[in-house]
Amino acid sequence: MTQVSINNDIDEIISTGEPVLIYFSGENCSVCQVLKPKIDEVIPQNFPKMKTYEVKADLYKEIASSFSVFSIPTILVFFDSKEFFRKGRNLSISQFVNELKRPYTLFMD
């Protein structure tokens, strides 16, 4: 997962139209620390063309607020430069993967 600290970088990444996952986390967030390796594992296995990025929301508050992220962890998924999926706090990894399979297949074919 690539760390991002500049809002313009994220805007450029999203504007490519490629599938993008942005993971908003915090330095002292235990849930964030547990969830991140799981996301790092399932995304390349199930969605090889999806790029993943991490924003430390407690350090880069202006980025988090520009995406209306006010709790962590929060995951945003973009397809074709549009936000498709937003999930915060409690997340089932298997359900997350199942919810993304169909749109990923549609956009990648």
PDB file of N, CA and C in Angstrom:
ATOM      1  N   MET A   1       0.857  -1.168   0.000  1.00  0.00           N
ATOM      2  CA  MET A   1       0.000   0.000   0.000  1.00  0.00           C
ATOM      3  C   MET A   1       0.904   1.233   0.000  1.00  0.00           C
ATOM      4  N   THR A   2       0.695   2.102  -0.955  1.00  0.00           N
ATOM      5  CA  THR A   2       1.506   3.303  -1.088  1.00  0.00           C
ATOM      6  C   THR A   2       0.967   4.407  -0.196  1.00  0.00           C
ATOM      7  N   GLN A   3       1.846   5.060   0.553  1.00  0.00           N
ATOM      8  CA  GLN A   3       1.461   6.182   1.414  1.00  0.00           C
ATOM      9  C   GLN A   3       1.276   7.438   0.566  1.00  0.00           C
ATOM     10  N   VAL A   4       0.211   8.184   0.832  1.00  0.00           N
ATOM     11  CA  VAL A   4      -0.053   9.437   0.124  1.00  0.00           C
ATOM     12  C   VAL A   4      -0.226  10.539   1.152  1.00  0.00           C
ATOM     13  N   SER A   5       0.402  11.675   0.881  1.00  0.00           N
ATOM     14  CA  SER A   5       0.312  12.780   1.837  1.00  0.00           C
ATOM     15  C   SER A   5      -0.079  14.102   1.188  1.00  0.00           C
ATOM     16  N   ILE A   6      -0.344  14.094  -0.114  1.00  0.00           N
ATOM     17  CA  ILE A   6      -0.705  15.328  -0.817  1.00  0.00           C
ATOM     18  C   ILE A   6      -2.031  15.113  -1.542  1.00  0.00           C
ATOM     19  N   ASN A   7      -2.963  16.025  -1.317  1.00  0.00           N
ATOM     20  CA  ASN A   7      -4.302  15.910  -1.884  1.00  0.00           C
ATOM     21  C   ASN A   7      -4.264  15.866  -3.409  1.00  0.00           C
ATOM     22  N   ASN A   8      -3.408  16.664  -4.034  1.00  0.00           N
ATOM     23  CA  ASN A   8      -3.321  16.687  -5.496  1.00  0.00           C
ATOM     24  C   ASN A   8      -2.894  15.336  -6.052  1.00  0.00           C
ATOM     25  N   ASP A   9      -2.022  14.634  -5.326  1.00  0.00           N
ATOM     26  CA  ASP A   9      -1.602  13.302  -5.764  1.00  0.00           C
ATOM     27  C   ASP A   9      -2.795  12.358  -5.825  1.00  0.00           C
ATOM     28  N   ILE A  10      -3.642  12.406  -4.829  1.00  0.00           N
ATOM     29  CA  ILE A  10      -4.815  11.530  -4.804  1.00  0.00           C
ATOM     30  C   ILE A  10      -5.761  11.880  -5.946  1.00  0.00           C
ATOM     31  N   ASP A  11      -5.970  13.165  -6.181  1.00  0.00           N
ATOM     32  CA  ASP A  11      -6.836  13.584  -7.286  1.00  0.00           C
ATOM     33  C   ASP A  11      -6.315  13.067  -8.624  1.00  0.00           C
ATOM     34  N   GLU A  12      -5.001  13.119  -8.826  1.00  0.00           N
ATOM     35  CA  GLU A  12      -4.403  12.608 -10.062  1.00  0.00           C
ATOM     36  C   GLU A  12      -4.567  11.096 -10.173  1.00  0.00           C
ATOM     37  N   ILE A  13      -4.377  10.396  -9.072  1.00  0.00           N
ATOM     38  CA  ILE A  13      -4.513   8.941  -9.047  1.00  0.00           C
ATOM     39  C   ILE A  13      -5.943   8.536  -9.411  1.00  0.00           C
ATOM     40  N   ILE A  14      -6.912   9.200  -8.826  1.00  0.00           N
ATOM     41  CA  ILE A  14      -8.317   8.880  -9.086  1.00  0.00           C
ATOM     42  C   ILE A  14      -8.696   9.218 -10.525  1.00  0.00           C
ATOM     43  N   SER A  15      -8.178  10.315 -11.045  1.00  0.00           N
ATOM     44  CA  SER A  15      -8.568  10.779 -12.383  1.00  0.00           C
ATOM     45  C   SER A  15      -8.078   9.871 -13.508  1.00  0.00           C
ATOM     46  N   THR A  16      -7.189   8.918 -13.222  1.00  0.00           N
ATOM     47  CA  THR A  16      -6.729   8.003 -14.271  1.00  0.00           C
ATOM     48  C   THR A  16      -7.840   7.079 -14.751  1.00  0.00           C
ATOM     49  N   GLY A  17      -8.866   6.867 -13.923  1.00  0.00           N
ATOM     50  CA  GLY A  17      -9.959   5.985 -14.291  1.00  0.00           C
ATOM     51  C   GLY A  17      -9.713   4.532 -13.915  1.00  0.00           C
ATOM     52  N   GLU A  18      -8.510   4.218 -13.472  1.00  0.00           N
ATOM     53  CA  GLU A  18      -8.184   2.865 -13.031  1.00  0.00           C
ATOM     54  C   GLU A  18      -8.861   2.585 -11.690  1.00  0.00           C
ATOM     55  N   PRO A  19      -9.073   1.314 -11.344  1.00  0.00           N
ATOM     56  CA  PRO A  19      -9.636   1.003 -10.025  1.00  0.00           C
ATOM     57  C   PRO A  19      -8.651   1.375  -8.920  1.00  0.00           C
ATOM     58  N   VAL A  20      -9.141   2.098  -7.934  1.00  0.00           N
ATOM     59  CA  VAL A  20      -8.292   2.617  -6.858  1.00  0.00           C
ATOM     60  C   VAL A  20      -8.971   2.368  -5.515  1.00  0.00           C
ATOM     61  N   LEU A  21      -8.190   1.920  -4.538  1.00  0.00           N
ATOM     62  CA  LEU A  21      -8.652   1.785  -3.170  1.00  0.00           C
ATOM     63  C   LEU A  21      -7.820   2.731  -2.316  1.00  0.00           C
ATOM     64  N   ILE A  22      -8.500   3.563  -1.527  1.00  0.00           N
ATOM     65  CA  ILE A  22      -7.817   4.457  -0.595  1.00  0.00           C
ATOM     66  C   ILE A  22      -8.229   4.058   0.809  1.00  0.00           C
ATOM     67  N   TYR A  23      -7.211   3.765   1.608  1.00  0.00           N
ATOM     68  CA  TYR A  23      -7.410   3.301   2.980  1.00  0.00           C
ATOM     69  C   TYR A  23      -7.022   4.428   3.929  1.00  0.00           C
ATOM     70  N   PHE A  24      -8.005   4.973   4.631  1.00  0.00           N
ATOM     71  CA  PHE A  24      -7.752   6.031   5.613  1.00  0.00           C
ATOM     72  C   PHE A  24      -7.559   5.372   6.964  1.00  0.00           C
ATOM     73  N   SER A  25      -6.408   5.626   7.581  1.00  0.00           N
ATOM     74  CA  SER A  25      -6.081   4.994   8.852  1.00  0.00           C
ATOM     75  C   SER A  25      -5.514   6.028   9.811  1.00  0.00           C
ATOM     76  N   GLY A  26      -5.098   5.553  10.974  1.00  0.00           N
ATOM     77  CA  GLY A  26      -4.503   6.426  11.974  1.00  0.00           C
ATOM     78  C   GLY A  26      -3.313   5.759  12.624  1.00  0.00           C
ATOM     79  N   GLU A  27      -2.416   6.567  13.121  1.00  0.00           N
ATOM     80  CA  GLU A  27      -1.200   6.067  13.763  1.00  0.00           C
ATOM     81  C   GLU A  27      -1.503   5.212  14.988  1.00  0.00           C
ATOM     82  N   ASN A  28      -2.451   5.623  15.812  1.00  0.00           N
ATOM     83  CA  ASN A  28      -2.748   4.939  17.069  1.00  0.00           C
ATOM     84  C   ASN A  28      -4.052   4.154  17.022  1.00  0.00           C
ATOM     85  N   CYS A  29      -4.456   3.752  15.838  1.00  0.00           N
ATOM     86  CA  CYS A  29      -5.722   3.034  15.653  1.00  0.00           C
ATOM     87  C   CYS A  29      -5.430   1.538  15.564  1.00  0.00           C
ATOM     88  N   SER A  30      -5.817   0.795  16.595  1.00  0.00           N
ATOM     89  CA  SER A  30      -5.535  -0.644  16.601  1.00  0.00           C
ATOM     90  C   SER A  30      -6.334  -1.387  15.532  1.00  0.00           C
ATOM     91  N   VAL A  31      -7.565  -0.977  15.282  1.00  0.00           N
ATOM     92  CA  VAL A  31      -8.372  -1.610  14.237  1.00  0.00           C
ATOM     93  C   VAL A  31      -7.701  -1.404  12.883  1.00  0.00           C
ATOM     94  N   CYS A  32      -7.174  -0.199  12.660  1.00  0.00           N
ATOM     95  CA  CYS A  32      -6.489   0.116  11.399  1.00  0.00           C
ATOM     96  C   CYS A  32      -5.288  -0.798  11.198  1.00  0.00           C
ATOM     97  N   GLN A  33      -4.539  -1.025  12.258  1.00  0.00           N
ATOM     98  CA  GLN A  33      -3.330  -1.846  12.169  1.00  0.00           C
ATOM     99  C   GLN A  33      -3.659  -3.315  11.886  1.00  0.00           C
ATOM    100  N   VAL A  34      -4.775  -3.793  12.388  1.00  0.00           N
ATOM    101  CA  VAL A  34      -5.183  -5.178  12.162  1.00  0.00           C
ATOM    102  C   VAL A  34      -5.775  -5.354  10.767  1.00  0.00           C
ATOM    103  N   LEU A  35      -6.543  -4.388  10.311  1.00  0.00           N
ATOM    104  CA  LEU A  35      -7.247  -4.493   9.037  1.00  0.00           C
ATOM    105  C   LEU A  35      -6.325  -4.309   7.833  1.00  0.00           C
ATOM    106  N   LYS A  36      -5.337  -3.448   7.945  1.00  0.00           N
ATOM    107  CA  LYS A  36      -4.468  -3.128   6.806  1.00  0.00           C
ATOM    108  C   LYS A  36      -3.796  -4.360   6.193  1.00  0.00           C
ATOM    109  N   PRO A  37      -3.155  -5.250   6.961  1.00  0.00           N
ATOM    110  CA  PRO A  37      -2.527  -6.428   6.334  1.00  0.00           C
ATOM    111  C   PRO A  37      -3.536  -7.335   5.630  1.00  0.00           C
ATOM    112  N   LYS A  38      -4.743  -7.398   6.146  1.00  0.00           N
ATOM    113  CA  LYS A  38      -5.773  -8.212   5.503  1.00  0.00           C
ATOM    114  C   LYS A  38      -6.153  -7.632   4.151  1.00  0.00           C
ATOM    115  N   ILE A  39      -6.294  -6.309   4.101  1.00  0.00           N
ATOM    116  CA  ILE A  39      -6.600  -5.633   2.836  1.00  0.00           C
ATOM    117  C   ILE A  39      -5.435  -5.815   1.866  1.00  0.00           C
ATOM    118  N   ASP A  40      -4.208  -5.654   2.372  1.00  0.00           N
ATOM    119  CA  ASP A  40      -3.013  -5.838   1.542  1.00  0.00           C
ATOM    120  C   ASP A  40      -2.942  -7.246   0.952  1.00  0.00           C
ATOM    121  N   GLU A  41      -3.505  -8.205   1.641  1.00  0.00           N
ATOM    122  CA  GLU A  41      -3.474  -9.591   1.166  1.00  0.00           C
ATOM    123  C   GLU A  41      -4.569  -9.879   0.144  1.00  0.00           C
ATOM    124  N   VAL A  42      -5.805  -9.463   0.417  1.00  0.00           N
ATOM    125  CA  VAL A  42      -6.927  -9.853  -0.452  1.00  0.00           C
ATOM    126  C   VAL A  42      -7.013  -9.044  -1.748  1.00  0.00           C
ATOM    127  N   ILE A  43      -6.571  -7.803  -1.741  1.00  0.00           N
ATOM    128  CA  ILE A  43      -6.696  -6.985  -2.951  1.00  0.00           C
ATOM    129  C   ILE A  43      -5.857  -7.542  -4.100  1.00  0.00           C
ATOM    130  N   PRO A  44      -4.554  -7.792  -3.930  1.00  0.00           N
ATOM    131  CA  PRO A  44      -3.785  -8.344  -5.060  1.00  0.00           C
ATOM    132  C   PRO A  44      -4.268  -9.728  -5.507  1.00  0.00           C
ATOM    133  N   GLN A  45      -4.755 -10.524  -4.575  1.00  0.00           N
ATOM    134  CA  GLN A  45      -5.244 -11.863  -4.918  1.00  0.00           C
ATOM    135  C   GLN A  45      -6.510 -11.805  -5.769  1.00  0.00           C
ATOM    136  N   ASN A  46      -7.426 -10.919  -5.416  1.00  0.00           N
ATOM    137  CA  ASN A  46      -8.736 -10.880  -6.059  1.00  0.00           C
ATOM    138  C   ASN A  46      -8.883  -9.792  -7.113  1.00  0.00           C
ATOM    139  N   PHE A  47      -8.131  -8.713  -6.971  1.00  0.00           N
ATOM    140  CA  PHE A  47      -8.267  -7.564  -7.869  1.00  0.00           C
ATOM    141  C   PHE A  47      -6.878  -7.069  -8.282  1.00  0.00           C
ATOM    142  N   PRO A  48      -6.197  -7.806  -9.141  1.00  0.00           N
ATOM    143  CA  PRO A  48      -4.792  -7.503  -9.437  1.00  0.00           C
ATOM    144  C   PRO A  48      -4.542  -6.145 -10.085  1.00  0.00           C
ATOM    145  N   LYS A  49      -5.521  -5.579 -10.740  1.00  0.00           N
ATOM    146  CA  LYS A  49      -5.316  -4.282 -11.398  1.00  0.00           C
ATOM    147  C   LYS A  49      -5.658  -3.092 -10.500  1.00  0.00           C
ATOM    148  N   MET A  50      -6.154  -3.358  -9.305  1.00  0.00           N
ATOM    149  CA  MET A  50      -6.534  -2.282  -8.391  1.00  0.00           C
ATOM    150  C   MET A  50      -5.300  -1.762  -7.663  1.00  0.00           C
ATOM    151  N   LYS A  51      -5.129  -0.456  -7.676  1.00  0.00           N
ATOM    152  CA  LYS A  51      -4.026   0.190  -6.957  1.00  0.00           C
ATOM    153  C   LYS A  51      -4.514   0.534  -5.553  1.00  0.00           C
ATOM    154  N   THR A  52      -3.641   0.361  -4.563  1.00  0.00           N
ATOM    155  CA  THR A  52      -4.017   0.655  -3.181  1.00  0.00           C
ATOM    156  C   THR A  52      -3.132   1.751  -2.601  1.00  0.00           C
ATOM    157  N   TYR A  53      -3.762   2.650  -1.877  1.00  0.00           N
ATOM    158  CA  TYR A  53      -3.080   3.786  -1.264  1.00  0.00           C
ATOM    159  C   TYR A  53      -3.578   3.946   0.160  1.00  0.00           C
ATOM    160  N   GLU A  54      -2.701   4.485   0.999  1.00  0.00           N
ATOM    161  CA  GLU A  54      -3.057   4.724   2.392  1.00  0.00           C
ATOM    162  C   GLU A  54      -2.846   6.192   2.727  1.00  0.00           C
ATOM    163  N   VAL A  55      -3.800   6.758   3.448  1.00  0.00           N
ATOM    164  CA  VAL A  55      -3.693   8.124   3.963  1.00  0.00           C
ATOM    165  C   VAL A  55      -3.823   8.046   5.474  1.00  0.00           C
ATOM    166  N   LYS A  56      -2.847   8.567   6.170  1.00  0.00           N
ATOM    167  CA  LYS A  56      -2.909   8.654   7.632  1.00  0.00           C
ATOM    168  C   LYS A  56      -3.800   9.851   7.981  1.00  0.00           C
ATOM    169  N   ALA A  57      -5.051   9.572   8.270  1.00  0.00           N
ATOM    170  CA  ALA A  57      -6.044  10.628   8.463  1.00  0.00           C
ATOM    171  C   ALA A  57      -5.725  11.536   9.639  1.00  0.00           C
ATOM    172  N   ASP A  58      -5.062  11.006  10.664  1.00  0.00           N
ATOM    173  CA  ASP A  58      -4.734  11.858  11.802  1.00  0.00           C
ATOM    174  C   ASP A  58      -3.587  12.820  11.486  1.00  0.00           C
ATOM    175  N   LEU A  59      -2.744  12.476  10.535  1.00  0.00           N
ATOM    176  CA  LEU A  59      -1.643  13.360  10.136  1.00  0.00           C
ATOM    177  C   LEU A  59      -2.034  14.306   9.005  1.00  0.00           C
ATOM    178  N   TYR A  60      -2.881  13.836   8.116  1.00  0.00           N
ATOM    179  CA  TYR A  60      -3.275  14.622   6.938  1.00  0.00           C
ATOM    180  C   TYR A  60      -4.780  14.870   6.972  1.00  0.00           C
ATOM    181  N   LYS A  61      -5.177  15.668   7.939  1.00  0.00           N
ATOM    182  CA  LYS A  61      -6.603  15.937   8.175  1.00  0.00           C
ATOM    183  C   LYS A  61      -7.277  16.621   6.994  1.00  0.00           C
ATOM    184  N   GLU A  62      -6.534  17.462   6.262  1.00  0.00           N
ATOM    185  CA  GLU A  62      -7.134  18.167   5.128  1.00  0.00           C
ATOM    186  C   GLU A  62      -7.517  17.194   4.013  1.00  0.00           C
ATOM    187  N   ILE A  63      -6.738  16.137   3.832  1.00  0.00           N
ATOM    188  CA  ILE A  63      -7.091  15.132   2.825  1.00  0.00           C
ATOM    189  C   ILE A  63      -8.326  14.368   3.282  1.00  0.00           C
ATOM    190  N   ALA A  64      -8.325  13.934   4.525  1.00  0.00           N
ATOM    191  CA  ALA A  64      -9.472  13.193   5.058  1.00  0.00           C
ATOM    192  C   ALA A  64     -10.751  14.013   4.963  1.00  0.00           C
ATOM    193  N   SER A  65     -10.679  15.276   5.326  1.00  0.00           N
ATOM    194  CA  SER A  65     -11.890  16.104   5.287  1.00  0.00           C
ATOM    195  C   SER A  65     -12.337  16.378   3.856  1.00  0.00           C
ATOM    196  N   SER A  66     -11.409  16.449   2.914  1.00  0.00           N
ATOM    197  CA  SER A  66     -11.814  16.685   1.523  1.00  0.00           C
ATOM    198  C   SER A  66     -12.580  15.493   0.950  1.00  0.00           C
ATOM    199  N   PHE A  67     -12.391  14.305   1.542  1.00  0.00           N
ATOM    200  CA  PHE A  67     -13.139  13.118   1.138  1.00  0.00           C
ATOM    201  C   PHE A  67     -14.254  12.789   2.122  1.00  0.00           C
ATOM    202  N   SER A  68     -14.546  13.710   3.034  1.00  0.00           N
ATOM    203  CA  SER A  68     -15.589  13.535   4.054  1.00  0.00           C
ATOM    204  C   SER A  68     -15.366  12.276   4.886  1.00  0.00           C
ATOM    205  N   VAL A  69     -14.115  12.038   5.260  1.00  0.00           N
ATOM    206  CA  VAL A  69     -13.762  10.916   6.116  1.00  0.00           C
ATOM    207  C   VAL A  69     -13.545  11.472   7.517  1.00  0.00           C
ATOM    208  N   PHE A  70     -14.400  11.068   8.450  1.00  0.00           N
ATOM    209  CA  PHE A  70     -14.340  11.588   9.813  1.00  0.00           C
ATOM    210  C   PHE A  70     -14.164  10.499  10.861  1.00  0.00           C
ATOM    211  N   SER A  71     -14.077   9.244  10.432  1.00  0.00           N
ATOM    212  CA  SER A  71     -13.775   8.152  11.349  1.00  0.00           C
ATOM    213  C   SER A  71     -12.817   7.206  10.634  1.00  0.00           C
ATOM    214  N   ILE A  72     -12.049   6.489  11.425  1.00  0.00           N
ATOM    215  CA  ILE A  72     -11.086   5.567  10.835  1.00  0.00           C
ATOM    216  C   ILE A  72     -11.246   4.187  11.455  1.00  0.00           C
ATOM    217  N   PRO A  73     -10.943   3.140  10.748  1.00  0.00           N
ATOM    218  CA  PRO A  73     -10.538   3.119   9.350  1.00  0.00           C
ATOM    219  C   PRO A  73     -11.725   3.326   8.412  1.00  0.00           C
ATOM    220  N   THR A  74     -11.444   3.911   7.273  1.00  0.00           N
ATOM    221  CA  THR A  74     -12.432   4.082   6.214  1.00  0.00           C
ATOM    222  C   THR A  74     -11.784   3.676   4.906  1.00  0.00           C
ATOM    223  N   ILE A  75     -12.525   2.927   4.110  1.00  0.00           N
ATOM    224  CA  ILE A  75     -12.035   2.486   2.807  1.00  0.00           C
ATOM    225  C   ILE A  75     -12.918   3.101   1.732  1.00  0.00           C
ATOM    226  N   LEU A  76     -12.281   3.734   0.747  1.00  0.00           N
ATOM    227  CA  LEU A  76     -12.976   4.260  -0.421  1.00  0.00           C
ATOM    228  C   LEU A  76     -12.469   3.514  -1.644  1.00  0.00           C
ATOM    229  N   VAL A  77     -13.379   3.098  -2.515  1.00  0.00           N
ATOM    230  CA  VAL A  77     -13.011   2.431  -3.760  1.00  0.00           C
ATOM    231  C   VAL A  77     -13.578   3.236  -4.915  1.00  0.00           C
ATOM    232  N   PHE A  78     -12.725   3.490  -5.903  1.00  0.00           N
ATOM    233  CA  PHE A  78     -13.109   4.267  -7.079  1.00  0.00           C
ATOM    234  C   PHE A  78     -12.981   3.413  -8.328  1.00  0.00           C
ATOM    235  N   PHE A  79     -14.011   3.476  -9.181  1.00  0.00           N
ATOM    236  CA  PHE A  79     -13.978   2.883 -10.510  1.00  0.00           C
ATOM    237  C   PHE A  79     -14.312   3.992 -11.491  1.00  0.00           C
ATOM    238  N   ASP A  80     -13.555   4.072 -12.559  1.00  0.00           N
ATOM    239  CA  ASP A  80     -13.804   5.075 -13.600  1.00  0.00           C
ATOM    240  C   ASP A  80     -13.875   6.485 -13.016  1.00  0.00           C
ATOM    241  N   SER A  81     -12.993   6.783 -12.090  1.00  0.00           N
ATOM    242  CA  SER A  81     -12.849   8.099 -11.439  1.00  0.00           C
ATOM    243  C   SER A  81     -14.026   8.500 -10.559  1.00  0.00           C
ATOM    244  N   LYS A  82     -14.892   7.547 -10.238  1.00  0.00           N
ATOM    245  CA  LYS A  82     -16.055   7.848  -9.392  1.00  0.00           C
ATOM    246  C   LYS A  82     -16.037   6.948  -8.157  1.00  0.00           C
ATOM    247  N   GLU A  83     -16.439   7.538  -7.039  1.00  0.00           N
ATOM    248  CA  GLU A  83     -16.519   6.737  -5.816  1.00  0.00           C
ATOM    249  C   GLU A  83     -17.631   5.714  -5.957  1.00  0.00           C
ATOM    250  N   PHE A  84     -17.263   4.466  -5.746  1.00  0.00           N
ATOM    251  CA  PHE A  84     -18.230   3.388  -5.873  1.00  0.00           C
ATOM    252  C   PHE A  84     -18.585   2.780  -4.521  1.00  0.00           C
ATOM    253  N   PHE A  85     -17.621   2.750  -3.625  1.00  0.00           N
ATOM    254  CA  PHE A  85     -17.789   2.013  -2.379  1.00  0.00           C
ATOM    255  C   PHE A  85     -17.142   2.794  -1.246  1.00  0.00           C
ATOM    256  N   ARG A  86     -17.847   2.869  -0.121  1.00  0.00           N
ATOM    257  CA  ARG A  86     -17.323   3.527   1.081  1.00  0.00           C
ATOM    258  C   ARG A  86     -17.730   2.686   2.279  1.00  0.00           C
ATOM    259  N   LYS A  87     -16.720   2.288   3.048  1.00  0.00           N
ATOM    260  CA  LYS A  87     -17.000   1.464   4.218  1.00  0.00           C
ATOM    261  C   LYS A  87     -16.132   1.938   5.365  1.00  0.00           C
ATOM    262  N   GLY A  88     -16.707   2.038   6.521  1.00  0.00           N
ATOM    263  CA  GLY A  88     -15.964   2.490   7.680  1.00  0.00           C
ATOM    264  C   GLY A  88     -16.114   1.570   8.861  1.00  0.00           C
ATOM    265  N   ARG A  89     -15.130   1.657   9.758  1.00  0.00           N
ATOM    266  CA  ARG A  89     -15.088   0.927  11.021  1.00  0.00           C
ATOM    267  C   ARG A  89     -15.137  -0.580  10.842  1.00  0.00           C
ATOM    268  N   ASN A  90     -16.256  -1.207  11.100  1.00  0.00           N
ATOM    269  CA  ASN A  90     -16.354  -2.662  11.058  1.00  0.00           C
ATOM    270  C   ASN A  90     -16.514  -3.135   9.623  1.00  0.00           C
ATOM    271  N   LEU A  91     -15.681  -4.105   9.257  1.00  0.00           N
ATOM    272  CA  LEU A  91     -15.675  -4.560   7.878  1.00  0.00           C
ATOM    273  C   LEU A  91     -15.401  -6.060   7.838  1.00  0.00           C
ATOM    274  N   SER A  92     -16.259  -6.778   7.159  1.00  0.00           N
ATOM    275  CA  SER A  92     -16.035  -8.195   6.908  1.00  0.00           C
ATOM    276  C   SER A  92     -15.231  -8.308   5.622  1.00  0.00           C
ATOM    277  N   ILE A  93     -14.066  -8.904   5.680  1.00  0.00           N
ATOM    278  CA  ILE A  93     -13.199  -9.013   4.510  1.00  0.00           C
ATOM    279  C   ILE A  93     -13.870  -9.826   3.408  1.00  0.00           C
ATOM    280  N   SER A  94     -14.486 -10.936   3.746  1.00  0.00           N
ATOM    281  CA  SER A  94     -15.135 -11.767   2.725  1.00  0.00           C
ATOM    282  C   SER A  94     -16.301 -11.036   2.068  1.00  0.00           C
ATOM    283  N   GLN A  95     -17.073 -10.318   2.854  1.00  0.00           N
ATOM    284  CA  GLN A  95     -18.185  -9.547   2.302  1.00  0.00           C
ATOM    285  C   GLN A  95     -17.652  -8.405   1.424  1.00  0.00           C
ATOM    286  N   PHE A  96     -16.599  -7.764   1.852  1.00  0.00           N
ATOM    287  CA  PHE A  96     -15.956  -6.694   1.096  1.00  0.00           C
ATOM    288  C   PHE A  96     -15.518  -7.200  -0.279  1.00  0.00           C
ATOM    289  N   VAL A  97     -14.856  -8.346  -0.311  1.00  0.00           N
ATOM    290  CA  VAL A  97     -14.393  -8.934  -1.573  1.00  0.00           C
ATOM    291  C   VAL A  97     -15.584  -9.274  -2.466  1.00  0.00           C
ATOM    292  N   ASN A  98     -16.628  -9.865  -1.891  1.00  0.00           N
ATOM    293  CA  ASN A  98     -17.814 -10.225  -2.679  1.00  0.00           C
ATOM    294  C   ASN A  98     -18.503  -9.003  -3.267  1.00  0.00           C
ATOM    295  N   GLU A  99     -18.554  -7.907  -2.520  1.00  0.00           N
ATOM    296  CA  GLU A  99     -19.202  -6.698  -3.007  1.00  0.00           C
ATOM    297  C   GLU A  99     -18.422  -6.049  -4.150  1.00  0.00           C
ATOM    298  N   LEU A 100     -17.123  -6.252  -4.189  1.00  0.00           N
ATOM    299  CA  LEU A 100     -16.304  -5.631  -5.237  1.00  0.00           C
ATOM    300  C   LEU A 100     -16.126  -6.491  -6.480  1.00  0.00           C
ATOM    301  N   LYS A 101     -16.398  -7.780  -6.395  1.00  0.00           N
ATOM    302  CA  LYS A 101     -16.140  -8.675  -7.529  1.00  0.00           C
ATOM    303  C   LYS A 101     -16.889  -8.287  -8.791  1.00  0.00           C
ATOM    304  N   ARG A 102     -18.154  -8.071  -8.678  1.00  0.00           N
ATOM    305  CA  ARG A 102     -18.950  -7.779  -9.872  1.00  0.00           C
ATOM    306  C   ARG A 102     -18.548  -6.456 -10.520  1.00  0.00           C
ATOM    307  N   PRO A 103     -18.515  -5.334  -9.784  1.00  0.00           N
ATOM    308  CA  PRO A 103     -18.128  -4.083 -10.456  1.00  0.00           C
ATOM    309  C   PRO A 103     -16.704  -4.139 -11.010  1.00  0.00           C
ATOM    310  N   TYR A 104     -15.811  -4.801 -10.300  1.00  0.00           N
ATOM    311  CA  TYR A 104     -14.436  -4.921 -10.791  1.00  0.00           C
ATOM    312  C   TYR A 104     -14.425  -5.646 -12.138  1.00  0.00           C
ATOM    313  N   THR A 105     -15.169  -6.750 -12.211  1.00  0.00           N
ATOM    314  CA  THR A 105     -15.247  -7.517 -13.458  1.00  0.00           C
ATOM    315  C   THR A 105     -15.856  -6.692 -14.581  1.00  0.00           C
ATOM    316  N   LEU A 106     -16.908  -5.951 -14.267  1.00  0.00           N
ATOM    317  CA  LEU A 106     -17.557  -5.128 -15.299  1.00  0.00           C
ATOM    318  C   LEU A 106     -16.627  -4.032 -15.823  1.00  0.00           C
ATOM    319  N   PHE A 107     -15.910  -3.378 -14.943  1.00  0.00           N
ATOM    320  CA  PHE A 107     -15.040  -2.283 -15.361  1.00  0.00           C
ATOM    321  C   PHE A 107     -13.749  -2.771 -16.011  1.00  0.00           C
ATOM    322  N   MET A 108     -13.315  -3.978 -15.687  1.00  0.00           N
ATOM    323  CA  MET A 108     -12.046  -4.461 -16.212  1.00  0.00           C
ATOM    324  C   MET A 108     -12.191  -5.256 -17.513  1.00  0.00           C
ATOM    325  N   ASP A 109     -13.410  -5.610 -17.888  1.00  0.00           N
ATOM    326  CA  ASP A 109     -13.614  -6.352 -19.144  1.00  0.00           C
ATOM    327  C   ASP A 109     -13.878  -5.430 -20.299  1.00  0.00           C
TER     328      ASP A 109
END
